[in-house]
Amino acid sequence: MKIPGVCAIVTDNDGTVLASRVDFDRTGYGGFTLEEAQRYRAQRFVRGVFFQNMTSPRFVKYDDYFLDQFWKMAEANGFKITTVPVVCPSPPEEI
């Protein structure tokens, strides 16, 4: 089985899913496997989705530093990110 992507999921203390994001980008980073690169991107992206879901849609300008601080507060309040490989028996060549 091939792993064409990685899904990152934000959950609260009760396990309720609050945000999710999937990365199928086939681009890696130097020194990382493709799955590690996808996991990193999915975790970064899901924080932004979580932030948008938890705040006003009018709050559109923010940067990675702000998201890092927001996520630290979220973790301190029991939220967590879980990553899951997306597995397909034979994925298509182009996703």
PDB file of N, CA and C in Angstrom:
ATOM      1  N   MET A   1       0.836  -1.190   0.000  1.00  0.00           N
ATOM      2  CA  MET A   1       0.000   0.000   0.000  1.00  0.00           C
ATOM      3  C   MET A   1       0.874   1.245   0.000  1.00  0.00           C
ATOM      4  N   LYS A   2       0.417   2.221  -0.724  1.00  0.00           N
ATOM      5  CA  LYS A   2       1.144   3.482  -0.790  1.00  0.00           C
ATOM      6  C   LYS A   2       0.466   4.513   0.095  1.00  0.00           C
ATOM      7  N   ILE A   3       1.266   5.424   0.602  1.00  0.00           N
ATOM      8  CA  ILE A   3       0.749   6.527   1.410  1.00  0.00           C
ATOM      9  C   ILE A   3       0.867   7.790   0.564  1.00  0.00           C
ATOM     10  N   PRO A   4      -0.236   8.183  -0.115  1.00  0.00           N
ATOM     11  CA  PRO A   4      -0.159   9.367  -0.962  1.00  0.00           C
ATOM     12  C   PRO A   4      -0.295  10.677  -0.209  1.00  0.00           C
ATOM     13  N   GLY A   5      -0.690  10.634   1.056  1.00  0.00           N
ATOM     14  CA  GLY A   5      -0.884  11.873   1.798  1.00  0.00           C
ATOM     15  C   GLY A   5      -0.979  11.659   3.288  1.00  0.00           C
ATOM     16  N   VAL A   6      -1.106  12.767   4.004  1.00  0.00           N
ATOM     17  CA  VAL A   6      -1.222  12.759   5.462  1.00  0.00           C
ATOM     18  C   VAL A   6      -2.359  13.684   5.855  1.00  0.00           C
ATOM     19  N   CYS A   7      -3.174  13.244   6.814  1.00  0.00           N
ATOM     20  CA  CYS A   7      -4.276  14.049   7.332  1.00  0.00           C
ATOM     21  C   CYS A   7      -3.935  14.488   8.752  1.00  0.00           C
ATOM     22  N   ALA A   8      -4.065  15.773   9.032  1.00  0.00           N
ATOM     23  CA  ALA A   8      -3.880  16.312  10.383  1.00  0.00           C
ATOM     24  C   ALA A   8      -5.247  16.703  10.921  1.00  0.00           C
ATOM     25  N   ILE A   9      -5.507  16.320  12.173  1.00  0.00           N
ATOM     26  CA  ILE A   9      -6.808  16.538  12.797  1.00  0.00           C
ATOM     27  C   ILE A   9      -6.622  17.232  14.135  1.00  0.00           C
ATOM     28  N   VAL A  10      -7.374  18.303  14.385  1.00  0.00           N
ATOM     29  CA  VAL A  10      -7.374  18.965  15.687  1.00  0.00           C
ATOM     30  C   VAL A  10      -8.595  18.473  16.454  1.00  0.00           C
ATOM     31  N   THR A  11      -8.347  18.003  17.680  1.00  0.00           N
ATOM     32  CA  THR A  11      -9.441  17.547  18.544  1.00  0.00           C
ATOM     33  C   THR A  11      -9.377  18.254  19.889  1.00  0.00           C
ATOM     34  N   ASP A  12     -10.528  18.280  20.575  1.00  0.00           N
ATOM     35  CA  ASP A  12     -10.559  18.832  21.929  1.00  0.00           C
ATOM     36  C   ASP A  12     -10.426  17.700  22.940  1.00  0.00           C
ATOM     37  N   ASN A  13     -10.621  18.009  24.222  1.00  0.00           N
ATOM     38  CA  ASN A  13     -10.473  17.015  25.295  1.00  0.00           C
ATOM     39  C   ASN A  13     -11.381  15.804  25.117  1.00  0.00           C
ATOM     40  N   ASP A  14     -12.554  16.022  24.534  1.00  0.00           N
ATOM     41  CA  ASP A  14     -13.531  14.948  24.361  1.00  0.00           C
ATOM     42  C   ASP A  14     -13.314  14.147  23.083  1.00  0.00           C
ATOM     43  N   GLY A  15     -12.352  14.546  22.269  1.00  0.00           N
ATOM     44  CA  GLY A  15     -12.100  13.859  21.004  1.00  0.00           C
ATOM     45  C   GLY A  15     -12.925  14.397  19.846  1.00  0.00           C
ATOM     46  N   THR A  16     -13.636  15.500  20.073  1.00  0.00           N
ATOM     47  CA  THR A  16     -14.425  16.111  19.004  1.00  0.00           C
ATOM     48  C   THR A  16     -13.484  16.736  17.976  1.00  0.00           C
ATOM     49  N   VAL A  17     -13.697  16.426  16.712  1.00  0.00           N
ATOM     50  CA  VAL A  17     -12.868  16.987  15.638  1.00  0.00           C
ATOM     51  C   VAL A  17     -13.308  18.424  15.379  1.00  0.00           C
ATOM     52  N   LEU A  18     -12.347  19.336  15.440  1.00  0.00           N
ATOM     53  CA  LEU A  18     -12.630  20.759  15.257  1.00  0.00           C
ATOM     54  C   LEU A  18     -12.054  21.312  13.962  1.00  0.00           C
ATOM     55  N   ALA A  19     -11.061  20.618  13.408  1.00  0.00           N
ATOM     56  CA  ALA A  19     -10.460  21.051  12.149  1.00  0.00           C
ATOM     57  C   ALA A  19      -9.670  19.886  11.574  1.00  0.00           C
ATOM     58  N   SER A  20      -9.562  19.871  10.253  1.00  0.00           N
ATOM     59  CA  SER A  20      -8.731  18.856   9.610  1.00  0.00           C
ATOM     60  C   SER A  20      -8.159  19.420   8.323  1.00  0.00           C
ATOM     61  N   ARG A  21      -7.054  18.863   7.918  1.00  0.00           N
ATOM     62  CA  ARG A  21      -6.392  19.293   6.680  1.00  0.00           C
ATOM     63  C   ARG A  21      -5.585  18.121   6.150  1.00  0.00           C
ATOM     64  N   VAL A  22      -5.625  17.911   4.850  1.00  0.00           N
ATOM     65  CA  VAL A  22      -4.891  16.825   4.214  1.00  0.00           C
ATOM     66  C   VAL A  22      -3.834  17.411   3.302  1.00  0.00           C
ATOM     67  N   ASP A  23      -2.652  16.799   3.295  1.00  0.00           N
ATOM     68  CA  ASP A  23      -1.584  17.220   2.398  1.00  0.00           C
ATOM     69  C   ASP A  23      -1.242  16.066   1.460  1.00  0.00           C
ATOM     70  N   PHE A  24      -1.431  16.287   0.148  1.00  0.00           N
ATOM     71  CA  PHE A  24      -1.067  15.311  -0.869  1.00  0.00           C
ATOM     72  C   PHE A  24       0.111  15.797  -1.710  1.00  0.00           C
ATOM     73  N   ASP A  25       0.705  16.929  -1.322  1.00  0.00           N
ATOM     74  CA  ASP A  25       1.831  17.492  -2.066  1.00  0.00           C
ATOM     75  C   ASP A  25       2.961  16.468  -2.113  1.00  0.00           C
ATOM     76  N   ARG A  26       3.489  16.192  -3.287  1.00  0.00           N
ATOM     77  CA  ARG A  26       4.543  15.191  -3.455  1.00  0.00           C
ATOM     78  C   ARG A  26       5.934  15.795  -3.302  1.00  0.00           C
ATOM     79  N   THR A  27       6.021  17.043  -2.862  1.00  0.00           N
ATOM     80  CA  THR A  27       7.298  17.721  -2.678  1.00  0.00           C
ATOM     81  C   THR A  27       7.827  17.458  -1.285  1.00  0.00           C
ATOM     82  N   GLY A  28       9.083  17.076  -1.197  1.00  0.00           N
ATOM     83  CA  GLY A  28       9.700  16.849   0.101  1.00  0.00           C
ATOM     84  C   GLY A  28      10.607  17.999   0.474  1.00  0.00           C
ATOM     85  N   TYR A  29      11.160  17.917   1.666  1.00  0.00           N
ATOM     86  CA  TYR A  29      12.153  18.890   2.131  1.00  0.00           C
ATOM     87  C   TYR A  29      13.465  18.148   2.287  1.00  0.00           C
ATOM     88  N   GLY A  30      14.572  18.857   2.135  1.00  0.00           N
ATOM     89  CA  GLY A  30      15.882  18.234   2.290  1.00  0.00           C
ATOM     90  C   GLY A  30      16.033  17.573   3.648  1.00  0.00           C
ATOM     91  N   GLY A  31      16.422  16.299   3.636  1.00  0.00           N
ATOM     92  CA  GLY A  31      16.638  15.579   4.886  1.00  0.00           C
ATOM     93  C   GLY A  31      15.395  14.931   5.468  1.00  0.00           C
ATOM     94  N   PHE A  32      14.227  15.174   4.874  1.00  0.00           N
ATOM     95  CA  PHE A  32      12.971  14.603   5.365  1.00  0.00           C
ATOM     96  C   PHE A  32      12.428  13.615   4.343  1.00  0.00           C
ATOM     97  N   THR A  33      11.763  12.584   4.829  1.00  0.00           N
ATOM     98  CA  THR A  33      11.050  11.697   3.914  1.00  0.00           C
ATOM     99  C   THR A  33       9.825  12.448   3.412  1.00  0.00           C
ATOM    100  N   LEU A  34       9.205  11.938   2.367  1.00  0.00           N
ATOM    101  CA  LEU A  34       7.997  12.569   1.840  1.00  0.00           C
ATOM    102  C   LEU A  34       6.909  12.599   2.904  1.00  0.00           C
ATOM    103  N   GLU A  35       6.720  11.492   3.636  1.00  0.00           N
ATOM    104  CA  GLU A  35       5.686  11.453   4.669  1.00  0.00           C
ATOM    105  C   GLU A  35       5.956  12.469   5.778  1.00  0.00           C
ATOM    106  N   GLU A  36       7.220  12.632   6.173  1.00  0.00           N
ATOM    107  CA  GLU A  36       7.556  13.637   7.208  1.00  0.00           C
ATOM    108  C   GLU A  36       7.243  15.044   6.719  1.00  0.00           C
ATOM    109  N   ALA A  37       7.563  15.330   5.452  1.00  0.00           N
ATOM    110  CA  ALA A  37       7.283  16.655   4.889  1.00  0.00           C
ATOM    111  C   ALA A  37       5.777  16.900   4.829  1.00  0.00           C
ATOM    112  N   GLN A  38       5.022  15.888   4.412  1.00  0.00           N
ATOM    113  CA  GLN A  38       3.568  16.026   4.348  1.00  0.00           C
ATOM    114  C   GLN A  38       2.980  16.223   5.739  1.00  0.00           C
ATOM    115  N   ARG A  39       3.499  15.488   6.719  1.00  0.00           N
ATOM    116  CA  ARG A  39       3.003  15.612   8.096  1.00  0.00           C
ATOM    117  C   ARG A  39       3.262  17.021   8.612  1.00  0.00           C
ATOM    118  N   TYR A  40       4.452  17.551   8.365  1.00  0.00           N
ATOM    119  CA  TYR A  40       4.807  18.900   8.810  1.00  0.00           C
ATOM    120  C   TYR A  40       3.857  19.936   8.191  1.00  0.00           C
ATOM    121  N   ARG A  41       3.665  19.842   6.868  1.00  0.00           N
ATOM    122  CA  ARG A  41       2.784  20.814   6.193  1.00  0.00           C
ATOM    123  C   ARG A  41       1.349  20.699   6.689  1.00  0.00           C
ATOM    124  N   ALA A  42       0.854  19.465   6.828  1.00  0.00           N
ATOM    125  CA  ALA A  42      -0.523  19.272   7.282  1.00  0.00           C
ATOM    126  C   ALA A  42      -0.720  19.855   8.680  1.00  0.00           C
ATOM    127  N   GLN A  43       0.267  19.662   9.567  1.00  0.00           N
ATOM    128  CA  GLN A  43       0.164  20.213  10.928  1.00  0.00           C
ATOM    129  C   GLN A  43       0.178  21.732  10.898  1.00  0.00           C
ATOM    130  N   ARG A  44       1.006  22.317  10.047  1.00  0.00           N
ATOM    131  CA  ARG A  44       1.055  23.779   9.944  1.00  0.00           C
ATOM    132  C   ARG A  44      -0.267  24.320   9.394  1.00  0.00           C
ATOM    133  N   PHE A  45      -0.775  23.684   8.347  1.00  0.00           N
ATOM    134  CA  PHE A  45      -2.013  24.157   7.726  1.00  0.00           C
ATOM    135  C   PHE A  45      -3.223  23.998   8.642  1.00  0.00           C
ATOM    136  N   VAL A  46      -3.291  22.889   9.383  1.00  0.00           N
ATOM    137  CA  VAL A  46      -4.478  22.639  10.211  1.00  0.00           C
ATOM    138  C   VAL A  46      -4.583  23.662  11.344  1.00  0.00           C
ATOM    139  N   ARG A  47      -3.462  24.198  11.782  1.00  0.00           N
ATOM    140  CA  ARG A  47      -3.518  25.248  12.811  1.00  0.00           C
ATOM    141  C   ARG A  47      -4.268  26.464  12.294  1.00  0.00           C
ATOM    142  N   GLY A  48      -4.026  26.819  11.016  1.00  0.00           N
ATOM    143  CA  GLY A  48      -4.740  27.947  10.417  1.00  0.00           C
ATOM    144  C   GLY A  48      -6.231  27.672  10.265  1.00  0.00           C
ATOM    145  N   VAL A  49      -6.579  26.439   9.879  1.00  0.00           N
ATOM    146  CA  VAL A  49      -7.984  26.059   9.758  1.00  0.00           C
ATOM    147  C   VAL A  49      -8.653  26.117  11.132  1.00  0.00           C
ATOM    148  N   PHE A  50      -7.965  25.590  12.140  1.00  0.00           N
ATOM    149  CA  PHE A  50      -8.482  25.615  13.514  1.00  0.00           C
ATOM    150  C   PHE A  50      -8.692  27.050  13.977  1.00  0.00           C
ATOM    151  N   PHE A  51      -7.709  27.916  13.733  1.00  0.00           N
ATOM    152  CA  PHE A  51      -7.820  29.327  14.121  1.00  0.00           C
ATOM    153  C   PHE A  51      -9.044  29.957  13.459  1.00  0.00           C
ATOM    154  N   GLN A  52      -9.213  29.739  12.157  1.00  0.00           N
ATOM    155  CA  GLN A  52     -10.355  30.309  11.440  1.00  0.00           C
ATOM    156  C   GLN A  52     -11.678  29.762  11.988  1.00  0.00           C
ATOM    157  N   ASN A  53     -11.706  28.483  12.350  1.00  0.00           N
ATOM    158  CA  ASN A  53     -12.932  27.890  12.891  1.00  0.00           C
ATOM    159  C   ASN A  53     -13.275  28.425  14.281  1.00  0.00           C
ATOM    160  N   MET A  54     -12.278  28.844  15.036  1.00  0.00           N
ATOM    161  CA  MET A  54     -12.496  29.277  16.412  1.00  0.00           C
ATOM    162  C   MET A  54     -12.649  30.789  16.570  1.00  0.00           C
ATOM    163  N   THR A  55     -12.385  31.546  15.487  1.00  0.00           N
ATOM    164  CA  THR A  55     -12.457  33.008  15.579  1.00  0.00           C
ATOM    165  C   THR A  55     -13.392  33.557  14.511  1.00  0.00           C
ATOM    166  N   SER A  56     -13.436  34.861  14.422  1.00  0.00           N
ATOM    167  CA  SER A  56     -14.272  35.537  13.436  1.00  0.00           C
ATOM    168  C   SER A  56     -13.699  35.358  12.030  1.00  0.00           C
ATOM    169  N   PRO A  57     -14.544  35.136  11.044  1.00  0.00           N
ATOM    170  CA  PRO A  57     -14.048  35.039   9.670  1.00  0.00           C
ATOM    171  C   PRO A  57     -13.479  36.364   9.159  1.00  0.00           C
ATOM    172  N   ARG A  58     -13.719  37.438   9.893  1.00  0.00           N
ATOM    173  CA  ARG A  58     -13.170  38.738   9.502  1.00  0.00           C
ATOM    174  C   ARG A  58     -11.711  38.879   9.922  1.00  0.00           C
ATOM    175  N   PHE A  59     -11.216  37.952  10.746  1.00  0.00           N
ATOM    176  CA  PHE A  59      -9.829  37.976  11.204  1.00  0.00           C
ATOM    177  C   PHE A  59      -8.992  37.209  10.176  1.00  0.00           C
ATOM    178  N   VAL A  60      -8.512  37.925   9.150  1.00  0.00           N
ATOM    179  CA  VAL A  60      -7.862  37.244   8.032  1.00  0.00           C
ATOM    180  C   VAL A  60      -6.352  37.484   7.929  1.00  0.00           C
ATOM    181  N   LYS A  61      -5.842  38.486   8.626  1.00  0.00           N
ATOM    182  CA  LYS A  61      -4.416  38.774   8.512  1.00  0.00           C
ATOM    183  C   LYS A  61      -3.692  38.323   9.775  1.00  0.00           C
ATOM    184  N   TYR A  62      -2.863  37.303   9.623  1.00  0.00           N
ATOM    185  CA  TYR A  62      -2.048  36.785  10.725  1.00  0.00           C
ATOM    186  C   TYR A  62      -0.850  36.074  10.113  1.00  0.00           C
ATOM    187  N   ASP A  63       0.163  35.844  10.928  1.00  0.00           N
ATOM    188  CA  ASP A  63       1.373  35.198  10.418  1.00  0.00           C
ATOM    189  C   ASP A  63       1.666  33.920  11.206  1.00  0.00           C
ATOM    190  N   ASP A  64       2.733  33.218  10.814  1.00  0.00           N
ATOM    191  CA  ASP A  64       3.083  31.961  11.469  1.00  0.00           C
ATOM    192  C   ASP A  64       3.412  32.146  12.946  1.00  0.00           C
ATOM    193  N   TYR A  65       4.058  33.264  13.301  1.00  0.00           N
ATOM    194  CA  TYR A  65       4.377  33.501  14.706  1.00  0.00           C
ATOM    195  C   TYR A  65       3.094  33.589  15.528  1.00  0.00           C
ATOM    196  N   PHE A  66       2.114  34.319  15.027  1.00  0.00           N
ATOM    197  CA  PHE A  66       0.840  34.453  15.727  1.00  0.00           C
ATOM    198  C   PHE A  66       0.169  33.094  15.881  1.00  0.00           C
ATOM    199  N   LEU A  67       0.157  32.299  14.794  1.00  0.00           N
ATOM    200  CA  LEU A  67      -0.433  30.959  14.868  1.00  0.00           C
ATOM    201  C   LEU A  67       0.301  30.074  15.867  1.00  0.00           C
ATOM    202  N   ASP A  68       1.635  30.211  15.932  1.00  0.00           N
ATOM    203  CA  ASP A  68       2.411  29.451  16.929  1.00  0.00           C
ATOM    204  C   ASP A  68       1.952  29.797  18.338  1.00  0.00           C
ATOM    205  N   GLN A  69       1.794  31.083  18.613  1.00  0.00           N
ATOM    206  CA  GLN A  69       1.359  31.514  19.941  1.00  0.00           C
ATOM    207  C   GLN A  69      -0.069  31.055  20.232  1.00  0.00           C
ATOM    208  N   PHE A  70      -0.937  31.182  19.241  1.00  0.00           N
ATOM    209  CA  PHE A  70      -2.326  30.747  19.391  1.00  0.00           C
ATOM    210  C   PHE A  70      -2.362  29.238  19.672  1.00  0.00           C
ATOM    211  N   TRP A  71      -1.556  28.473  18.929  1.00  0.00           N
ATOM    212  CA  TRP A  71      -1.558  27.023  19.118  1.00  0.00           C
ATOM    213  C   TRP A  71      -1.006  26.639  20.500  1.00  0.00           C
ATOM    214  N   LYS A  72       0.002  27.341  20.990  1.00  0.00           N
ATOM    215  CA  LYS A  72       0.526  27.059  22.343  1.00  0.00           C
ATOM    216  C   LYS A  72      -0.579  27.223  23.383  1.00  0.00           C
ATOM    217  N   MET A  73      -1.385  28.254  23.230  1.00  0.00           N
ATOM    218  CA  MET A  73      -2.503  28.467  24.155  1.00  0.00           C
ATOM    219  C   MET A  73      -3.546  27.358  23.990  1.00  0.00           C
ATOM    220  N   ALA A  74      -3.802  26.953  22.763  1.00  0.00           N
ATOM    221  CA  ALA A  74      -4.770  25.883  22.516  1.00  0.00           C
ATOM    222  C   ALA A  74      -4.298  24.573  23.152  1.00  0.00           C
ATOM    223  N   GLU A  75      -3.023  24.243  22.987  1.00  0.00           N
ATOM    224  CA  GLU A  75      -2.474  23.027  23.603  1.00  0.00           C
ATOM    225  C   GLU A  75      -2.588  23.081  25.119  1.00  0.00           C
ATOM    226  N   ALA A  76      -2.322  24.243  25.686  1.00  0.00           N
ATOM    227  CA  ALA A  76      -2.418  24.404  27.139  1.00  0.00           C
ATOM    228  C   ALA A  76      -3.851  24.197  27.626  1.00  0.00           C
ATOM    229  N   ASN A  77      -4.811  24.349  26.715  1.00  0.00           N
ATOM    230  CA  ASN A  77      -6.220  24.156  27.056  1.00  0.00           C
ATOM    231  C   ASN A  77      -6.762  22.795  26.612  1.00  0.00           C
ATOM    232  N   GLY A  78      -5.859  21.890  26.249  1.00  0.00           N
ATOM    233  CA  GLY A  78      -6.264  20.518  25.959  1.00  0.00           C
ATOM    234  C   GLY A  78      -6.500  20.140  24.518  1.00  0.00           C
ATOM    235  N   PHE A  79      -6.306  21.064  23.593  1.00  0.00           N
ATOM    236  CA  PHE A  79      -6.463  20.721  22.182  1.00  0.00           C
ATOM    237  C   PHE A  79      -5.213  20.003  21.697  1.00  0.00           C
ATOM    238  N   LYS A  80      -5.372  19.095  20.720  1.00  0.00           N
ATOM    239  CA  LYS A  80      -4.191  18.408  20.197  1.00  0.00           C
ATOM    240  C   LYS A  80      -4.336  18.136  18.711  1.00  0.00           C
ATOM    241  N   ILE A  81      -3.185  17.966  18.069  1.00  0.00           N
ATOM    242  CA  ILE A  81      -3.137  17.613  16.651  1.00  0.00           C
ATOM    243  C   ILE A  81      -2.697  16.161  16.548  1.00  0.00           C
ATOM    244  N   THR A  82      -3.450  15.401  15.775  1.00  0.00           N
ATOM    245  CA  THR A  82      -3.110  14.016  15.481  1.00  0.00           C
ATOM    246  C   THR A  82      -2.933  13.901  13.972  1.00  0.00           C
ATOM    247  N   THR A  83      -1.893  13.195  13.537  1.00  0.00           N
ATOM    248  CA  THR A  83      -1.712  12.982  12.103  1.00  0.00           C
ATOM    249  C   THR A  83      -1.959  11.512  11.778  1.00  0.00           C
ATOM    250  N   VAL A  84      -2.571  11.300  10.625  1.00  0.00           N
ATOM    251  CA  VAL A  84      -2.922   9.958  10.173  1.00  0.00           C
ATOM    252  C   VAL A  84      -2.517   9.834   8.708  1.00  0.00           C
ATOM    253  N   PRO A  85      -1.786   8.766   8.356  1.00  0.00           N
ATOM    254  CA  PRO A  85      -1.469   8.597   6.937  1.00  0.00           C
ATOM    255  C   PRO A  85      -2.721   8.258   6.141  1.00  0.00           C
ATOM    256  N   VAL A  86      -2.821   8.806   4.949  1.00  0.00           N
ATOM    257  CA  VAL A  86      -3.913   8.486   4.037  1.00  0.00           C
ATOM    258  C   VAL A  86      -3.404   7.337   3.179  1.00  0.00           C
ATOM    259  N   VAL A  87      -4.011   6.166   3.320  1.00  0.00           N
ATOM    260  CA  VAL A  87      -3.524   4.961   2.657  1.00  0.00           C
ATOM    261  C   VAL A  87      -4.498   4.522   1.573  1.00  0.00           C
ATOM    262  N   CYS A  88      -3.953   4.192   0.412  1.00  0.00           N
ATOM    263  CA  CYS A  88      -4.748   3.672  -0.706  1.00  0.00           C
ATOM    264  C   CYS A  88      -4.037   2.441  -1.253  1.00  0.00           C
ATOM    265  N   PRO A  89      -4.769   1.396  -1.633  1.00  0.00           N
ATOM    266  CA  PRO A  89      -4.128   0.215  -2.193  1.00  0.00           C
ATOM    267  C   PRO A  89      -3.330   0.531  -3.460  1.00  0.00           C
ATOM    268  N   SER A  90      -3.908   1.334  -4.331  1.00  0.00           N
ATOM    269  CA  SER A  90      -3.193   1.737  -5.550  1.00  0.00           C
ATOM    270  C   SER A  90      -3.676   3.127  -5.958  1.00  0.00           C
ATOM    271  N   PRO A  91      -3.055   4.170  -5.395  1.00  0.00           N
ATOM    272  CA  PRO A  91      -3.500   5.539  -5.700  1.00  0.00           C
ATOM    273  C   PRO A  91      -3.250   5.899  -7.147  1.00  0.00           C
ATOM    274  N   PRO A  92      -4.034   6.816  -7.674  1.00  0.00           N
ATOM    275  CA  PRO A  92      -3.801   7.264  -9.051  1.00  0.00           C
ATOM    276  C   PRO A  92      -2.451   7.953  -9.156  1.00  0.00           C
ATOM    277  N   GLU A  93      -1.909   7.992 -10.352  1.00  0.00           N
ATOM    278  CA  GLU A  93      -0.609   8.626 -10.578  1.00  0.00           C
ATOM    279  C   GLU A  93      -0.643  10.105 -10.228  1.00  0.00           C
ATOM    280  N   GLU A  94      -1.677  10.777 -10.642  1.00  0.00           N
ATOM    281  CA  GLU A  94      -1.816  12.213 -10.376  1.00  0.00           C
ATOM    282  C   GLU A  94      -2.939  12.400  -9.367  1.00  0.00           C
ATOM    283  N   ILE A  95      -2.647  13.057  -8.278  1.00  0.00           N
ATOM    284  CA  ILE A  95      -3.665  13.334  -7.257  1.00  0.00           C
ATOM    285  C   ILE A  95      -3.981  14.808  -7.308  1.00  0.00           C
TER     286      ILE A  95
END
